[in-house]
């Protein structure tokens, strides 16, 4: 466990596997699933283990190249 008490609201932090939106490229966005994080049960603030944020940033940098974005599976559409 990273922390047990939220620095924002003082709520309890529980370890969970979450989905994290990593990057938007135009109208496309990429979600990384099964990211381990501590999540405050009161306000939703997220706390990541060492190295997770760096890995998410690495994924973001690699996906900004549109060619790599096209290699990912399309799972739906977004409409406004």
PDB file of N, CA and C in Angstrom:
ATOM      1  N   UNK A   1       0.855  -1.183   0.000  1.00  0.00           N
ATOM      2  CA  UNK A   1       0.000   0.000   0.000  1.00  0.00           C
ATOM      3  C   UNK A   1       0.896   1.239   0.000  1.00  0.00           C
ATOM      4  N   UNK A   2       0.532   2.207  -0.786  1.00  0.00           N
ATOM      5  CA  UNK A   2       1.310   3.435  -0.915  1.00  0.00           C
ATOM      6  C   UNK A   2       1.100   4.340   0.288  1.00  0.00           C
ATOM      7  N   UNK A   3      -0.128   4.706   0.536  1.00  0.00           N
ATOM      8  CA  UNK A   3      -0.514   5.508   1.700  1.00  0.00           C
ATOM      9  C   UNK A   3      -1.831   4.942   2.221  1.00  0.00           C
ATOM     10  N   UNK A   4      -2.130   5.202   3.472  1.00  0.00           N
ATOM     11  CA  UNK A   4      -3.388   4.704   4.015  1.00  0.00           C
ATOM     12  C   UNK A   4      -4.415   5.817   4.212  1.00  0.00           C
ATOM     13  N   UNK A   5      -3.931   7.073   4.200  1.00  0.00           N
ATOM     14  CA  UNK A   5      -4.811   8.222   4.431  1.00  0.00           C
ATOM     15  C   UNK A   5      -4.600   9.258   3.329  1.00  0.00           C
ATOM     16  N   UNK A   6      -5.686   9.771   2.777  1.00  0.00           N
ATOM     17  CA  UNK A   6      -5.634  10.738   1.683  1.00  0.00           C
ATOM     18  C   UNK A   6      -5.087  12.086   2.171  1.00  0.00           C
ATOM     19  N   UNK A   7      -4.144  12.625   1.422  1.00  0.00           N
ATOM     20  CA  UNK A   7      -3.564  13.929   1.747  1.00  0.00           C
ATOM     21  C   UNK A   7      -4.530  15.073   1.435  1.00  0.00           C
ATOM     22  N   UNK A   8      -5.519  14.832   0.602  1.00  0.00           N
ATOM     23  CA  UNK A   8      -6.470  15.870   0.206  1.00  0.00           C
ATOM     24  C   UNK A   8      -7.602  16.009   1.228  1.00  0.00           C
ATOM     25  N   UNK A   9      -8.267  14.889   1.548  1.00  0.00           N
ATOM     26  CA  UNK A   9      -9.456  14.961   2.397  1.00  0.00           C
ATOM     27  C   UNK A   9      -9.352  14.170   3.690  1.00  0.00           C
ATOM     28  N   UNK A  10      -8.299  13.385   3.824  1.00  0.00           N
ATOM     29  CA  UNK A  10      -8.144  12.570   5.022  1.00  0.00           C
ATOM     30  C   UNK A  10      -8.870  11.239   4.973  1.00  0.00           C
ATOM     31  N   UNK A  11      -9.506  10.934   3.840  1.00  0.00           N
ATOM     32  CA  UNK A  11     -10.245   9.675   3.697  1.00  0.00           C
ATOM     33  C   UNK A  11      -9.325   8.471   3.616  1.00  0.00           C
ATOM     34  N   UNK A  12      -9.914   7.292   3.724  1.00  0.00           N
ATOM     35  CA  UNK A  12      -9.183   6.033   3.636  1.00  0.00           C
ATOM     36  C   UNK A  12      -8.782   5.753   2.183  1.00  0.00           C
ATOM     37  N   UNK A  13      -7.541   5.301   1.984  1.00  0.00           N
ATOM     38  CA  UNK A  13      -7.048   4.959   0.651  1.00  0.00           C
ATOM     39  C   UNK A  13      -6.983   3.443   0.541  1.00  0.00           C
ATOM     40  N   UNK A  14      -7.602   2.904  -0.500  1.00  0.00           N
ATOM     41  CA  UNK A  14      -7.620   1.467  -0.741  1.00  0.00           C
ATOM     42  C   UNK A  14      -6.925   1.156  -2.058  1.00  0.00           C
ATOM     43  N   UNK A  15      -6.198   0.038  -2.095  1.00  0.00           N
ATOM     44  CA  UNK A  15      -5.536  -0.377  -3.332  1.00  0.00           C
ATOM     45  C   UNK A  15      -6.581  -0.939  -4.285  1.00  0.00           C
ATOM     46  N   UNK A  16      -6.513  -0.494  -5.539  1.00  0.00           N
ATOM     47  CA  UNK A  16      -7.451  -0.942  -6.573  1.00  0.00           C
ATOM     48  C   UNK A  16      -6.721  -1.065  -7.901  1.00  0.00           C
ATOM     49  N   UNK A  17      -7.333  -1.794  -8.832  1.00  0.00           N
ATOM     50  CA  UNK A  17      -6.883  -1.786 -10.217  1.00  0.00           C
ATOM     51  C   UNK A  17      -7.849  -0.876 -10.961  1.00  0.00           C
ATOM     52  N   UNK A  18      -7.286   0.133 -11.623  1.00  0.00           N
ATOM     53  CA  UNK A  18      -8.113   1.146 -12.278  1.00  0.00           C
ATOM     54  C   UNK A  18      -7.777   1.225 -13.760  1.00  0.00           C
ATOM     55  N   UNK A  19      -8.599   1.945 -14.494  1.00  0.00           N
ATOM     56  CA  UNK A  19      -8.307   2.297 -15.884  1.00  0.00           C
ATOM     57  C   UNK A  19      -7.871   3.753 -15.879  1.00  0.00           C
ATOM     58  N   UNK A  20      -6.843   4.056 -16.637  1.00  0.00           N
ATOM     59  CA  UNK A  20      -6.280   5.405 -16.657  1.00  0.00           C
ATOM     60  C   UNK A  20      -6.237   5.915 -18.093  1.00  0.00           C
ATOM     61  N   UNK A  21      -6.861   7.078 -18.336  1.00  0.00           N
ATOM     62  CA  UNK A  21      -6.756   7.705 -19.649  1.00  0.00           C
ATOM     63  C   UNK A  21      -5.360   8.301 -19.746  1.00  0.00           C
ATOM     64  N   UNK A  22      -4.592   7.834 -20.707  1.00  0.00           N
ATOM     65  CA  UNK A  22      -3.196   8.231 -20.807  1.00  0.00           C
ATOM     66  C   UNK A  22      -3.017   9.424 -21.725  1.00  0.00           C
ATOM     67  N   UNK A  23      -3.658   9.411 -22.879  1.00  0.00           N
ATOM     68  CA  UNK A  23      -3.388  10.463 -23.854  1.00  0.00           C
ATOM     69  C   UNK A  23      -4.574  10.637 -24.784  1.00  0.00           C
ATOM     70  N   UNK A  24      -4.777  11.869 -25.194  1.00  0.00           N
ATOM     71  CA  UNK A  24      -5.734  12.179 -26.256  1.00  0.00           C
ATOM     72  C   UNK A  24      -4.938  12.677 -27.458  1.00  0.00           C
ATOM     73  N   UNK A  25      -5.274  12.146 -28.621  1.00  0.00           N
ATOM     74  CA  UNK A  25      -4.669  12.598 -29.867  1.00  0.00           C
ATOM     75  C   UNK A  25      -5.827  12.960 -30.781  1.00  0.00           C
ATOM     76  N   UNK A  26      -6.093  14.253 -30.924  1.00  0.00           N
ATOM     77  CA  UNK A  26      -7.272  14.687 -31.671  1.00  0.00           C
ATOM     78  C   UNK A  26      -8.511  14.211 -30.946  1.00  0.00           C
ATOM     79  N   UNK A  27      -9.373  13.474 -31.652  1.00  0.00           N
ATOM     80  CA  UNK A  27     -10.576  12.921 -31.039  1.00  0.00           C
ATOM     81  C   UNK A  27     -10.367  11.509 -30.501  1.00  0.00           C
ATOM     82  N   UNK A  28      -9.157  10.992 -30.628  1.00  0.00           N
ATOM     83  CA  UNK A  28      -8.850   9.655 -30.143  1.00  0.00           C
ATOM     84  C   UNK A  28      -8.255   9.740 -28.748  1.00  0.00           C
ATOM     85  N   UNK A  29      -8.503   8.723 -27.941  1.00  0.00           N
ATOM     86  CA  UNK A  29      -7.834   8.665 -26.655  1.00  0.00           C
ATOM     87  C   UNK A  29      -7.500   7.222 -26.327  1.00  0.00           C
ATOM     88  N   UNK A  30      -6.487   7.055 -25.488  1.00  0.00           N
ATOM     89  CA  UNK A  30      -5.983   5.735 -25.135  1.00  0.00           C
ATOM     90  C   UNK A  30      -6.179   5.531 -23.639  1.00  0.00           C
ATOM     91  N   UNK A  31      -6.706   4.376 -23.279  1.00  0.00           N
ATOM     92  CA  UNK A  31      -6.913   4.017 -21.885  1.00  0.00           C
ATOM     93  C   UNK A  31      -6.051   2.800 -21.573  1.00  0.00           C
ATOM     94  N   UNK A  32      -5.313   2.880 -20.471  1.00  0.00           N
ATOM     95  CA  UNK A  32      -4.536   1.748 -19.990  1.00  0.00           C
ATOM     96  C   UNK A  32      -5.332   1.129 -18.847  1.00  0.00           C
ATOM     97  N   UNK A  33      -5.614  -0.162 -18.967  1.00  0.00           N
ATOM     98  CA  UNK A  33      -6.410  -0.852 -17.958  1.00  0.00           C
ATOM     99  C   UNK A  33      -5.515  -1.580 -16.966  1.00  0.00           C
ATOM    100  N   UNK A  34      -6.097  -1.921 -15.819  1.00  0.00           N
ATOM    101  CA  UNK A  34      -5.439  -2.708 -14.775  1.00  0.00           C
ATOM    102  C   UNK A  34      -4.200  -2.036 -14.210  1.00  0.00           C
ATOM    103  N   UNK A  35      -4.299  -0.726 -13.978  1.00  0.00           N
ATOM    104  CA  UNK A  35      -3.213   0.031 -13.350  1.00  0.00           C
ATOM    105  C   UNK A  35      -3.421  -0.043 -11.842  1.00  0.00           C
ATOM    106  N   UNK A  36      -2.413  -0.486 -11.100  1.00  0.00           N
ATOM    107  CA  UNK A  36      -2.523  -0.548  -9.642  1.00  0.00           C
ATOM    108  C   UNK A  36      -2.325   0.844  -9.067  1.00  0.00           C
ATOM    109  N   UNK A  37      -3.230   1.222  -8.176  1.00  0.00           N
ATOM    110  CA  UNK A  37      -3.161   2.543  -7.545  1.00  0.00           C
ATOM    111  C   UNK A  37      -3.884   2.498  -6.213  1.00  0.00           C
ATOM    112  N   UNK A  38      -3.519   3.418  -5.332  1.00  0.00           N
ATOM    113  CA  UNK A  38      -4.294   3.651  -4.130  1.00  0.00           C
ATOM    114  C   UNK A  38      -5.341   4.699  -4.477  1.00  0.00           C
ATOM    115  N   UNK A  39      -6.593   4.460  -4.126  1.00  0.00           N
ATOM    116  CA  UNK A  39      -7.681   5.380  -4.462  1.00  0.00           C
ATOM    117  C   UNK A  39      -8.426   5.750  -3.179  1.00  0.00           C
ATOM    118  N   UNK A  40      -8.593   7.054  -2.955  1.00  0.00           N
ATOM    119  CA  UNK A  40      -9.331   7.521  -1.785  1.00  0.00           C
ATOM    120  C   UNK A  40     -10.803   7.180  -1.961  1.00  0.00           C
ATOM    121  N   UNK A  41     -11.393   6.552  -0.934  1.00  0.00           N
ATOM    122  CA  UNK A  41     -12.798   6.167  -1.010  1.00  0.00           C
ATOM    123  C   UNK A  41     -13.727   7.370  -0.863  1.00  0.00           C
ATOM    124  N   UNK A  42     -13.208   8.498  -0.383  1.00  0.00           N
ATOM    125  CA  UNK A  42     -14.019   9.703  -0.194  1.00  0.00           C
ATOM    126  C   UNK A  42     -14.003  10.616  -1.424  1.00  0.00           C
ATOM    127  N   UNK A  43     -12.812  11.007  -1.881  1.00  0.00           N
ATOM    128  CA  UNK A  43     -12.715  12.016  -2.949  1.00  0.00           C
ATOM    129  C   UNK A  43     -12.197  11.466  -4.280  1.00  0.00           C
ATOM    130  N   UNK A  44     -11.688  10.223  -4.303  1.00  0.00           N
ATOM    131  CA  UNK A  44     -11.223   9.621  -5.549  1.00  0.00           C
ATOM    132  C   UNK A  44      -9.784   9.945  -5.920  1.00  0.00           C
ATOM    133  N   UNK A  45      -9.078  10.703  -5.081  1.00  0.00           N
ATOM    134  CA  UNK A  45      -7.665  11.010  -5.362  1.00  0.00           C
ATOM    135  C   UNK A  45      -6.894   9.706  -5.549  1.00  0.00           C
ATOM    136  N   UNK A  46      -5.965   9.699  -6.518  1.00  0.00           N
ATOM    137  CA  UNK A  46      -5.213   8.489  -6.838  1.00  0.00           C
ATOM    138  C   UNK A  46      -3.758   8.639  -6.418  1.00  0.00           C
ATOM    139  N   UNK A  47      -3.213   7.552  -5.903  1.00  0.00           N
ATOM    140  CA  UNK A  47      -1.814   7.483  -5.489  1.00  0.00           C
ATOM    141  C   UNK A  47      -1.192   6.282  -6.184  1.00  0.00           C
ATOM    142  N   UNK A  48      -0.076   6.529  -6.894  1.00  0.00           N
ATOM    143  CA  UNK A  48       0.536   5.478  -7.698  1.00  0.00           C
ATOM    144  C   UNK A  48       1.832   4.981  -7.068  1.00  0.00           C
ATOM    145  N   UNK A  49       2.103   3.671  -7.204  1.00  0.00           N
ATOM    146  CA  UNK A  49       3.378   3.145  -6.725  1.00  0.00           C
ATOM    147  C   UNK A  49       4.539   3.740  -7.527  1.00  0.00           C
ATOM    148  N   UNK A  50       5.747   3.684  -6.981  1.00  0.00           N
ATOM    149  CA  UNK A  50       6.907   4.212  -7.711  1.00  0.00           C
ATOM    150  C   UNK A  50       7.017   3.580  -9.104  1.00  0.00           C
ATOM    151  N   UNK A  51       7.302   4.413 -10.086  1.00  0.00           N
ATOM    152  CA  UNK A  51       7.506   3.955 -11.456  1.00  0.00           C
ATOM    153  C   UNK A  51       6.262   3.948 -12.327  1.00  0.00           C
ATOM    154  N   UNK A  52       5.069   3.925 -11.749  1.00  0.00           N
ATOM    155  CA  UNK A  52       3.843   3.838 -12.553  1.00  0.00           C
ATOM    156  C   UNK A  52       3.638   5.106 -13.380  1.00  0.00           C
ATOM    157  N   UNK A  53       3.797   6.272 -12.773  1.00  0.00           N
ATOM    158  CA  UNK A  53       3.604   7.527 -13.511  1.00  0.00           C
ATOM    159  C   UNK A  53       4.633   7.637 -14.634  1.00  0.00           C
ATOM    160  N   UNK A  54       5.870   7.247 -14.362  1.00  0.00           N
ATOM    161  CA  UNK A  54       6.897   7.268 -15.413  1.00  0.00           C
ATOM    162  C   UNK A  54       6.510   6.352 -16.565  1.00  0.00           C
ATOM    163  N   UNK A  55       5.989   5.179 -16.268  1.00  0.00           N
ATOM    164  CA  UNK A  55       5.579   4.233 -17.318  1.00  0.00           C
ATOM    165  C   UNK A  55       4.404   4.790 -18.117  1.00  0.00           C
ATOM    166  N   UNK A  56       3.433   5.418 -17.437  1.00  0.00           N
ATOM    167  CA  UNK A  56       2.308   6.023 -18.151  1.00  0.00           C
ATOM    168  C   UNK A  56       2.780   7.145 -19.070  1.00  0.00           C
ATOM    169  N   UNK A  57       3.753   7.927 -18.619  1.00  0.00           N
ATOM    170  CA  UNK A  57       4.307   8.992 -19.477  1.00  0.00           C
ATOM    171  C   UNK A  57       5.058   8.407 -20.665  1.00  0.00           C
ATOM    172  N   UNK A  58       5.773   7.293 -20.465  1.00  0.00           N
ATOM    173  CA  UNK A  58       6.449   6.626 -21.579  1.00  0.00           C
ATOM    174  C   UNK A  58       5.431   6.161 -22.619  1.00  0.00           C
ATOM    175  N   UNK A  59       4.326   5.590 -22.150  1.00  0.00           N
ATOM    176  CA  UNK A  59       3.261   5.150 -23.056  1.00  0.00           C
ATOM    177  C   UNK A  59       2.702   6.340 -23.818  1.00  0.00           C
ATOM    178  N   UNK A  60       2.471   7.454 -23.121  1.00  0.00           N
ATOM    179  CA  UNK A  60       1.946   8.661 -23.768  1.00  0.00           C
ATOM    180  C   UNK A  60       2.876   9.141 -24.867  1.00  0.00           C
ATOM    181  N   UNK A  61       4.169   9.218 -24.577  1.00  0.00           N
ATOM    182  CA  UNK A  61       5.130   9.686 -25.589  1.00  0.00           C
ATOM    183  C   UNK A  61       5.148   8.772 -26.805  1.00  0.00           C
ATOM    184  N   UNK A  62       5.097   7.466 -26.587  1.00  0.00           N
ATOM    185  CA  UNK A  62       5.159   6.543 -27.717  1.00  0.00           C
ATOM    186  C   UNK A  62       3.887   6.582 -28.554  1.00  0.00           C
ATOM    187  N   UNK A  63       2.742   6.865 -27.942  1.00  0.00           N
ATOM    188  CA  UNK A  63       1.471   6.861 -28.667  1.00  0.00           C
ATOM    189  C   UNK A  63       1.252   8.152 -29.452  1.00  0.00           C
ATOM    190  N   UNK A  64       1.891   9.223 -29.066  1.00  0.00           N
ATOM    191  CA  UNK A  64       1.707  10.482 -29.794  1.00  0.00           C
ATOM    192  C   UNK A  64       2.114  10.360 -31.263  1.00  0.00           C
ATOM    193  N   UNK A  65       2.890   9.346 -31.593  1.00  0.00           N
ATOM    194  CA  UNK A  65       3.205   9.029 -32.986  1.00  0.00           C
ATOM    195  C   UNK A  65       1.971   8.314 -33.550  1.00  0.00           C
ATOM    196  N   UNK A  66       1.255   8.957 -34.466  1.00  0.00           N
ATOM    197  CA  UNK A  66      -0.016   8.431 -34.996  1.00  0.00           C
ATOM    198  C   UNK A  66       0.118   7.006 -35.538  1.00  0.00           C
ATOM    199  N   UNK A  67       1.287   6.634 -36.044  1.00  0.00           N
ATOM    200  CA  UNK A  67       1.466   5.282 -36.564  1.00  0.00           C
ATOM    201  C   UNK A  67       1.258   4.251 -35.462  1.00  0.00           C
ATOM    202  N   UNK A  68       1.763   4.533 -34.294  1.00  0.00           N
ATOM    203  CA  UNK A  68       1.599   3.601 -33.174  1.00  0.00           C
ATOM    204  C   UNK A  68       0.155   3.563 -32.712  1.00  0.00           C
ATOM    205  N   UNK A  69      -0.531   4.684 -32.784  1.00  0.00           N
ATOM    206  CA  UNK A  69      -1.932   4.739 -32.382  1.00  0.00           C
ATOM    207  C   UNK A  69      -2.766   3.804 -33.254  1.00  0.00           C
ATOM    208  N   UNK A  70      -2.448   3.706 -34.539  1.00  0.00           N
ATOM    209  CA  UNK A  70      -3.203   2.864 -35.462  1.00  0.00           C
ATOM    210  C   UNK A  70      -3.018   1.383 -35.166  1.00  0.00           C
ATOM    211  N   UNK A  71      -1.967   1.001 -34.437  1.00  0.00           N
ATOM    212  CA  UNK A  71      -1.722  -0.405 -34.114  1.00  0.00           C
ATOM    213  C   UNK A  71      -2.570  -0.886 -32.942  1.00  0.00           C
ATOM    214  N   UNK A  72      -3.227   0.022 -32.231  1.00  0.00           N
ATOM    215  CA  UNK A  72      -4.031  -0.356 -31.081  1.00  0.00           C
ATOM    216  C   UNK A  72      -5.415  -0.824 -31.520  1.00  0.00           C
ATOM    217  N   UNK A  73      -6.069  -1.623 -30.683  1.00  0.00           N
ATOM    218  CA  UNK A  73      -7.421  -2.093 -30.970  1.00  0.00           C
ATOM    219  C   UNK A  73      -8.424  -0.978 -30.728  1.00  0.00           C
ATOM    220  N   UNK A  74      -9.328  -0.782 -31.680  1.00  0.00           N
ATOM    221  CA  UNK A  74     -10.410   0.195 -31.518  1.00  0.00           C
ATOM    222  C   UNK A  74     -11.542  -0.539 -30.794  1.00  0.00           C
ATOM    223  N   UNK A  75     -12.018   0.052 -29.677  1.00  0.00           N
ATOM    224  CA  UNK A  75     -13.049  -0.625 -28.898  1.00  0.00           C
ATOM    225  C   UNK A  75     -14.368   0.147 -28.873  1.00  0.00           C
ATOM    226  N   UNK A  76     -14.421   1.282 -29.541  1.00  0.00           N
ATOM    227  CA  UNK A  76     -15.662   2.047 -29.553  1.00  0.00           C
ATOM    228  C   UNK A  76     -15.477   3.393 -30.218  1.00  0.00           C
ATOM    229  N   UNK A  77     -16.500   4.205 -30.148  1.00  0.00           N
ATOM    230  CA  UNK A  77     -16.465   5.539 -30.734  1.00  0.00           C
ATOM    231  C   UNK A  77     -16.951   6.538 -29.698  1.00  0.00           C
ATOM    232  N   UNK A  78     -16.534   7.790 -29.857  1.00  0.00           N
ATOM    233  CA  UNK A  78     -16.982   8.851 -28.988  1.00  0.00           C
ATOM    234  C   UNK A  78     -17.718   9.877 -29.819  1.00  0.00           C
ATOM    235  N   UNK A  79     -18.876  10.311 -29.344  1.00  0.00           N
ATOM    236  CA  UNK A  79     -19.678  11.275 -30.079  1.00  0.00           C
ATOM    237  C   UNK A  79     -20.008  12.450 -29.181  1.00  0.00           C
ATOM    238  N   UNK A  80     -20.115  13.630 -29.784  1.00  0.00           N
ATOM    239  CA  UNK A  80     -20.529  14.828 -29.040  1.00  0.00           C
ATOM    240  C   UNK A  80     -21.856  15.294 -29.636  1.00  0.00           C
TER     241      UNK A  80
END
